[in-house]
Amino acid sequence: LSAEPYRGTLFADQPVMFVSPASRPPTASLCGLVHLCGVGVSQVPRQASIIIGPYSGKKKATVKYLSEKWI
């Protein structure tokens, strides 16, 4: 057994994600789940390549915008 927290690999090959504050389920829950699946979570959208949940900012062609249901 390991004393380190569990970190899966389901999304390990995905880029950094940002979870919208307007997301449902709550942002903290989704961030925790995404992190457990092996992905880095950014606190700011400009550092992410994938944005999860509602986003009203300027959209960039290089970023993927996905529903919370994707998770």
PDB file of N, CA and C in Angstrom:
ATOM      1  N   LEU A   1       0.827  -1.193   0.000  1.00  0.00           N
ATOM      2  CA  LEU A   1       0.000   0.000   0.000  1.00  0.00           C
ATOM      3  C   LEU A   1       0.867   1.250   0.000  1.00  0.00           C
ATOM      4  N   SER A   2       0.362   2.278  -0.644  1.00  0.00           N
ATOM      5  CA  SER A   2       1.084   3.538  -0.731  1.00  0.00           C
ATOM      6  C   SER A   2       0.459   4.579   0.197  1.00  0.00           C
ATOM      7  N   ALA A   3       1.300   5.389   0.796  1.00  0.00           N
ATOM      8  CA  ALA A   3       0.811   6.476   1.646  1.00  0.00           C
ATOM      9  C   ALA A   3       0.435   7.698   0.812  1.00  0.00           C
ATOM     10  N   GLU A   4       0.790   7.687  -0.481  1.00  0.00           N
ATOM     11  CA  GLU A   4       0.473   8.817  -1.358  1.00  0.00           C
ATOM     12  C   GLU A   4      -0.983   8.765  -1.792  1.00  0.00           C
ATOM     13  N   PRO A   5      -1.585   9.936  -2.052  1.00  0.00           N
ATOM     14  CA  PRO A   5      -2.972   9.972  -2.532  1.00  0.00           C
ATOM     15  C   PRO A   5      -3.092   9.284  -3.892  1.00  0.00           C
ATOM     16  N   TYR A   6      -4.239   8.691  -4.130  1.00  0.00           N
ATOM     17  CA  TYR A   6      -4.489   8.010  -5.401  1.00  0.00           C
ATOM     18  C   TYR A   6      -4.557   9.015  -6.540  1.00  0.00           C
ATOM     19  N   ARG A   7      -3.977   8.667  -7.669  1.00  0.00           N
ATOM     20  CA  ARG A   7      -4.089   9.475  -8.880  1.00  0.00           C
ATOM     21  C   ARG A   7      -4.143   8.515 -10.059  1.00  0.00           C
ATOM     22  N   GLY A   8      -5.303   8.451 -10.687  1.00  0.00           N
ATOM     23  CA  GLY A   8      -5.516   7.548 -11.803  1.00  0.00           C
ATOM     24  C   GLY A   8      -4.876   8.042 -13.084  1.00  0.00           C
ATOM     25  N   THR A   9      -5.125   7.296 -14.156  1.00  0.00           N
ATOM     26  CA  THR A   9      -4.522   7.625 -15.443  1.00  0.00           C
ATOM     27  C   THR A   9      -5.553   7.740 -16.563  1.00  0.00           C
ATOM     28  N   LEU A  10      -6.832   7.739 -16.239  1.00  0.00           N
ATOM     29  CA  LEU A  10      -7.882   7.762 -17.253  1.00  0.00           C
ATOM     30  C   LEU A  10      -7.720   8.927 -18.229  1.00  0.00           C
ATOM     31  N   PHE A  11      -7.436  10.115 -17.720  1.00  0.00           N
ATOM     32  CA  PHE A  11      -7.265  11.297 -18.568  1.00  0.00           C
ATOM     33  C   PHE A  11      -5.808  11.762 -18.597  1.00  0.00           C
ATOM     34  N   ALA A  12      -4.875  10.904 -18.228  1.00  0.00           N
ATOM     35  CA  ALA A  12      -3.473  11.307 -18.077  1.00  0.00           C
ATOM     36  C   ALA A  12      -2.865  11.886 -19.347  1.00  0.00           C
ATOM     37  N   ASP A  13      -3.368  11.501 -20.502  1.00  0.00           N
ATOM     38  CA  ASP A  13      -2.800  12.011 -21.754  1.00  0.00           C
ATOM     39  C   ASP A  13      -3.490  13.291 -22.237  1.00  0.00           C
ATOM     40  N   GLN A  14      -4.378  13.839 -21.422  1.00  0.00           N
ATOM     41  CA  GLN A  14      -5.094  15.063 -21.781  1.00  0.00           C
ATOM     42  C   GLN A  14      -4.351  16.294 -21.250  1.00  0.00           C
ATOM     43  N   PRO A  15      -4.513  17.433 -21.919  1.00  0.00           N
ATOM     44  CA  PRO A  15      -3.856  18.659 -21.443  1.00  0.00           C
ATOM     45  C   PRO A  15      -4.556  19.232 -20.210  1.00  0.00           C
ATOM     46  N   VAL A  16      -3.976  20.263 -19.662  1.00  0.00           N
ATOM     47  CA  VAL A  16      -4.514  20.934 -18.473  1.00  0.00           C
ATOM     48  C   VAL A  16      -5.939  21.414 -18.742  1.00  0.00           C
ATOM     49  N   MET A  17      -6.789  21.251 -17.728  1.00  0.00           N
ATOM     50  CA  MET A  17      -8.196  21.636 -17.842  1.00  0.00           C
ATOM     51  C   MET A  17      -8.533  22.748 -16.854  1.00  0.00           C
ATOM     52  N   PHE A  18      -9.548  23.521 -17.206  1.00  0.00           N
ATOM     53  CA  PHE A  18     -10.119  24.539 -16.325  1.00  0.00           C
ATOM     54  C   PHE A  18     -11.581  24.179 -16.146  1.00  0.00           C
ATOM     55  N   VAL A  19     -12.060  24.182 -14.899  1.00  0.00           N
ATOM     56  CA  VAL A  19     -13.467  23.902 -14.618  1.00  0.00           C
ATOM     57  C   VAL A  19     -14.143  25.225 -14.274  1.00  0.00           C
ATOM     58  N   SER A  20     -15.174  25.559 -15.025  1.00  0.00           N
ATOM     59  CA  SER A  20     -15.891  26.824 -14.857  1.00  0.00           C
ATOM     60  C   SER A  20     -16.518  26.935 -13.467  1.00  0.00           C
ATOM     61  N   PRO A  21     -16.476  28.121 -12.866  1.00  0.00           N
ATOM     62  CA  PRO A  21     -17.141  28.326 -11.578  1.00  0.00           C
ATOM     63  C   PRO A  21     -18.651  28.132 -11.661  1.00  0.00           C
ATOM     64  N   ALA A  22     -19.218  28.225 -12.868  1.00  0.00           N
ATOM     65  CA  ALA A  22     -20.665  28.050 -13.057  1.00  0.00           C
ATOM     66  C   ALA A  22     -21.041  26.596 -13.326  1.00  0.00           C
ATOM     67  N   SER A  23     -20.090  25.687 -13.213  1.00  0.00           N
ATOM     68  CA  SER A  23     -20.380  24.281 -13.526  1.00  0.00           C
ATOM     69  C   SER A  23     -21.293  23.646 -12.481  1.00  0.00           C
ATOM     70  N   ARG A  24     -22.025  22.663 -12.927  1.00  0.00           N
ATOM     71  CA  ARG A  24     -22.873  21.834 -12.068  1.00  0.00           C
ATOM     72  C   ARG A  24     -22.633  20.398 -12.457  1.00  0.00           C
ATOM     73  N   PRO A  25     -22.144  19.548 -11.580  1.00  0.00           N
ATOM     74  CA  PRO A  25     -21.919  19.651 -10.144  1.00  0.00           C
ATOM     75  C   PRO A  25     -20.929  20.768  -9.799  1.00  0.00           C
ATOM     76  N   PRO A  26     -20.830  21.079  -8.506  1.00  0.00           N
ATOM     77  CA  PRO A  26     -19.974  22.179  -8.064  1.00  0.00           C
ATOM     78  C   PRO A  26     -18.524  22.046  -8.554  1.00  0.00           C
ATOM     79  N   THR A  27     -17.915  23.191  -8.768  1.00  0.00           N
ATOM     80  CA  THR A  27     -16.553  23.253  -9.296  1.00  0.00           C
ATOM     81  C   THR A  27     -15.573  22.412  -8.483  1.00  0.00           C
ATOM     82  N   ALA A  28     -15.623  22.518  -7.176  1.00  0.00           N
ATOM     83  CA  ALA A  28     -14.683  21.777  -6.327  1.00  0.00           C
ATOM     84  C   ALA A  28     -14.803  20.274  -6.546  1.00  0.00           C
ATOM     85  N   SER A  29     -16.019  19.784  -6.703  1.00  0.00           N
ATOM     86  CA  SER A  29     -16.233  18.351  -6.930  1.00  0.00           C
ATOM     87  C   SER A  29     -15.660  17.917  -8.272  1.00  0.00           C
ATOM     88  N   LEU A  30     -15.932  18.700  -9.322  1.00  0.00           N
ATOM     89  CA  LEU A  30     -15.414  18.350 -10.648  1.00  0.00           C
ATOM     90  C   LEU A  30     -13.893  18.459 -10.699  1.00  0.00           C
ATOM     91  N   CYS A  31     -13.335  19.488 -10.077  1.00  0.00           N
ATOM     92  CA  CYS A  31     -11.876  19.626 -10.048  1.00  0.00           C
ATOM     93  C   CYS A  31     -11.235  18.423  -9.365  1.00  0.00           C
ATOM     94  N   GLY A  32     -11.816  17.998  -8.264  1.00  0.00           N
ATOM     95  CA  GLY A  32     -11.303  16.831  -7.562  1.00  0.00           C
ATOM     96  C   GLY A  32     -11.362  15.582  -8.412  1.00  0.00           C
ATOM     97  N   LEU A  33     -12.471  15.382  -9.105  1.00  0.00           N
ATOM     98  CA  LEU A  33     -12.629  14.210  -9.961  1.00  0.00           C
ATOM     99  C   LEU A  33     -11.633  14.232 -11.117  1.00  0.00           C
ATOM    100  N   VAL A  34     -11.511  15.382 -11.771  1.00  0.00           N
ATOM    101  CA  VAL A  34     -10.575  15.515 -12.892  1.00  0.00           C
ATOM    102  C   VAL A  34      -9.148  15.238 -12.418  1.00  0.00           C
ATOM    103  N   HIS A  35      -8.783  15.783 -11.276  1.00  0.00           N
ATOM    104  CA  HIS A  35      -7.441  15.564 -10.729  1.00  0.00           C
ATOM    105  C   HIS A  35      -7.212  14.081 -10.421  1.00  0.00           C
ATOM    106  N   LEU A  36      -8.208  13.422  -9.848  1.00  0.00           N
ATOM    107  CA  LEU A  36      -8.089  11.990  -9.558  1.00  0.00           C
ATOM    108  C   LEU A  36      -7.904  11.156 -10.820  1.00  0.00           C
ATOM    109  N   CYS A  37      -8.388  11.671 -11.942  1.00  0.00           N
ATOM    110  CA  CYS A  37      -8.267  10.957 -13.225  1.00  0.00           C
ATOM    111  C   CYS A  37      -6.940  11.238 -13.918  1.00  0.00           C
ATOM    112  N   GLY A  38      -6.061  11.998 -13.279  1.00  0.00           N
ATOM    113  CA  GLY A  38      -4.713  12.164 -13.795  1.00  0.00           C
ATOM    114  C   GLY A  38      -4.434  13.417 -14.590  1.00  0.00           C
ATOM    115  N   VAL A  39      -5.294  14.420 -14.499  1.00  0.00           N
ATOM    116  CA  VAL A  39      -5.115  15.648 -15.275  1.00  0.00           C
ATOM    117  C   VAL A  39      -4.810  16.820 -14.355  1.00  0.00           C
ATOM    118  N   GLY A  40      -3.978  17.723 -14.839  1.00  0.00           N
ATOM    119  CA  GLY A  40      -3.739  18.961 -14.121  1.00  0.00           C
ATOM    120  C   GLY A  40      -4.944  19.875 -14.258  1.00  0.00           C
ATOM    121  N   VAL A  41      -5.261  20.601 -13.196  1.00  0.00           N
ATOM    122  CA  VAL A  41      -6.391  21.529 -13.207  1.00  0.00           C
ATOM    123  C   VAL A  41      -5.856  22.934 -12.966  1.00  0.00           C
ATOM    124  N   SER A  42      -6.198  23.842 -13.874  1.00  0.00           N
ATOM    125  CA  SER A  42      -5.770  25.233 -13.761  1.00  0.00           C
ATOM    126  C   SER A  42      -6.836  26.055 -13.045  1.00  0.00           C
ATOM    127  N   GLN A  43      -6.394  27.060 -12.320  1.00  0.00           N
ATOM    128  CA  GLN A  43      -7.317  27.973 -11.649  1.00  0.00           C
ATOM    129  C   GLN A  43      -7.759  29.109 -12.569  1.00  0.00           C
ATOM    130  N   VAL A  44      -7.086  29.247 -13.711  1.00  0.00           N
ATOM    131  CA  VAL A  44      -7.411  30.311 -14.669  1.00  0.00           C
ATOM    132  C   VAL A  44      -7.568  29.718 -16.070  1.00  0.00           C
ATOM    133  N   PRO A  45      -8.566  30.173 -16.817  1.00  0.00           N
ATOM    134  CA  PRO A  45      -8.841  29.584 -18.130  1.00  0.00           C
ATOM    135  C   PRO A  45      -7.730  29.773 -19.155  1.00  0.00           C
ATOM    136  N   ARG A  46      -6.975  30.845 -19.086  1.00  0.00           N
ATOM    137  CA  ARG A  46      -5.952  31.083 -20.114  1.00  0.00           C
ATOM    138  C   ARG A  46      -4.802  30.073 -20.061  1.00  0.00           C
ATOM    139  N   GLN A  47      -4.683  29.321 -18.962  1.00  0.00           N
ATOM    140  CA  GLN A  47      -3.627  28.316 -18.835  1.00  0.00           C
ATOM    141  C   GLN A  47      -4.109  26.920 -19.212  1.00  0.00           C
ATOM    142  N   ALA A  48      -5.362  26.802 -19.636  1.00  0.00           N
ATOM    143  CA  ALA A  48      -5.942  25.490 -19.930  1.00  0.00           C
ATOM    144  C   ALA A  48      -6.157  25.300 -21.426  1.00  0.00           C
ATOM    145  N   SER A  49      -6.112  24.044 -21.845  1.00  0.00           N
ATOM    146  CA  SER A  49      -6.407  23.691 -23.236  1.00  0.00           C
ATOM    147  C   SER A  49      -7.808  23.124 -23.379  1.00  0.00           C
ATOM    148  N   ILE A  50      -8.414  22.780 -22.248  1.00  0.00           N
ATOM    149  CA  ILE A  50      -9.793  22.282 -22.227  1.00  0.00           C
ATOM    150  C   ILE A  50     -10.530  23.034 -21.125  1.00  0.00           C
ATOM    151  N   ILE A  51     -11.706  23.564 -21.456  1.00  0.00           N
ATOM    152  CA  ILE A  51     -12.540  24.248 -20.463  1.00  0.00           C
ATOM    153  C   ILE A  51     -13.823  23.452 -20.301  1.00  0.00           C
ATOM    154  N   ILE A  52     -14.125  23.102 -19.059  1.00  0.00           N
ATOM    155  CA  ILE A  52     -15.292  22.295 -18.730  1.00  0.00           C
ATOM    156  C   ILE A  52     -16.371  23.193 -18.137  1.00  0.00           C
ATOM    157  N   GLY A  53     -17.591  23.092 -18.678  1.00  0.00           N
ATOM    158  CA  GLY A  53     -18.723  23.841 -18.143  1.00  0.00           C
ATOM    159  C   GLY A  53     -18.955  25.145 -18.869  1.00  0.00           C
ATOM    160  N   PRO A  54     -19.968  25.909 -18.420  1.00  0.00           N
ATOM    161  CA  PRO A  54     -20.319  27.174 -19.066  1.00  0.00           C
ATOM    162  C   PRO A  54     -19.147  28.157 -19.040  1.00  0.00           C
ATOM    163  N   TYR A  55     -18.925  28.810 -20.165  1.00  0.00           N
ATOM    164  CA  TYR A  55     -17.836  29.783 -20.256  1.00  0.00           C
ATOM    165  C   TYR A  55     -18.289  30.946 -21.111  1.00  0.00           C
ATOM    166  N   SER A  56     -18.251  32.154 -20.555  1.00  0.00           N
ATOM    167  CA  SER A  56     -18.749  33.325 -21.277  1.00  0.00           C
ATOM    168  C   SER A  56     -17.632  34.230 -21.788  1.00  0.00           C
ATOM    169  N   GLY A  57     -16.385  33.853 -21.537  1.00  0.00           N
ATOM    170  CA  GLY A  57     -15.264  34.662 -22.010  1.00  0.00           C
ATOM    171  C   GLY A  57     -15.039  34.490 -23.504  1.00  0.00           C
ATOM    172  N   LYS A  58     -14.039  35.192 -24.012  1.00  0.00           N
ATOM    173  CA  LYS A  58     -13.689  35.086 -25.425  1.00  0.00           C
ATOM    174  C   LYS A  58     -13.158  33.681 -25.703  1.00  0.00           C
ATOM    175  N   LYS A  59     -13.724  33.032 -26.709  1.00  0.00           N
ATOM    176  CA  LYS A  59     -13.326  31.662 -27.028  1.00  0.00           C
ATOM    177  C   LYS A  59     -12.203  31.657 -28.059  1.00  0.00           C
ATOM    178  N   LYS A  60     -11.235  30.756 -27.830  1.00  0.00           N
ATOM    179  CA  LYS A  60     -10.098  30.622 -28.729  1.00  0.00           C
ATOM    180  C   LYS A  60     -10.223  29.326 -29.523  1.00  0.00           C
ATOM    181  N   ALA A  61      -9.757  29.342 -30.763  1.00  0.00           N
ATOM    182  CA  ALA A  61      -9.828  28.165 -31.630  1.00  0.00           C
ATOM    183  C   ALA A  61      -8.952  27.025 -31.117  1.00  0.00           C
ATOM    184  N   THR A  62      -7.953  27.327 -30.321  1.00  0.00           N
ATOM    185  CA  THR A  62      -7.020  26.308 -29.839  1.00  0.00           C
ATOM    186  C   THR A  62      -7.488  25.617 -28.560  1.00  0.00           C
ATOM    187  N   VAL A  63      -8.619  26.051 -28.023  1.00  0.00           N
ATOM    188  CA  VAL A  63      -9.144  25.500 -26.770  1.00  0.00           C
ATOM    189  C   VAL A  63     -10.414  24.710 -27.055  1.00  0.00           C
ATOM    190  N   LYS A  64     -10.569  23.568 -26.367  1.00  0.00           N
ATOM    191  CA  LYS A  64     -11.801  22.779 -26.478  1.00  0.00           C
ATOM    192  C   LYS A  64     -12.724  23.178 -25.337  1.00  0.00           C
ATOM    193  N   TYR A  65     -13.993  23.397 -25.655  1.00  0.00           N
ATOM    194  CA  TYR A  65     -15.008  23.784 -24.669  1.00  0.00           C
ATOM    195  C   TYR A  65     -15.996  22.632 -24.564  1.00  0.00           C
ATOM    196  N   LEU A  66     -16.058  22.016 -23.383  1.00  0.00           N
ATOM    197  CA  LEU A  66     -16.858  20.813 -23.205  1.00  0.00           C
ATOM    198  C   LEU A  66     -17.851  20.952 -22.060  1.00  0.00           C
ATOM    199  N   SER A  67     -18.939  20.223 -22.178  1.00  0.00           N
ATOM    200  CA  SER A  67     -19.950  20.158 -21.127  1.00  0.00           C
ATOM    201  C   SER A  67     -19.420  19.354 -19.940  1.00  0.00           C
ATOM    202  N   GLU A  68     -19.979  19.614 -18.771  1.00  0.00           N
ATOM    203  CA  GLU A  68     -19.637  18.818 -17.588  1.00  0.00           C
ATOM    204  C   GLU A  68     -19.980  17.349 -17.810  1.00  0.00           C
ATOM    205  N   LYS A  69     -20.953  17.073 -18.643  1.00  0.00           N
ATOM    206  CA  LYS A  69     -21.364  15.687 -18.910  1.00  0.00           C
ATOM    207  C   LYS A  69     -20.240  14.883 -19.535  1.00  0.00           C
ATOM    208  N   TRP A  70     -19.297  15.560 -20.175  1.00  0.00           N
ATOM    209  CA  TRP A  70     -18.150  14.889 -20.781  1.00  0.00           C
ATOM    210  C   TRP A  70     -17.338  14.148 -19.723  1.00  0.00           C
ATOM    211  N   ILE A  71     -17.258  14.728 -18.522  1.00  0.00           N
ATOM    212  CA  ILE A  71     -16.494  14.119 -17.431  1.00  0.00           C
ATOM    213  C   ILE A  71     -17.222  12.885 -16.955  1.00  0.00           C
TER     214      ILE A  71
END
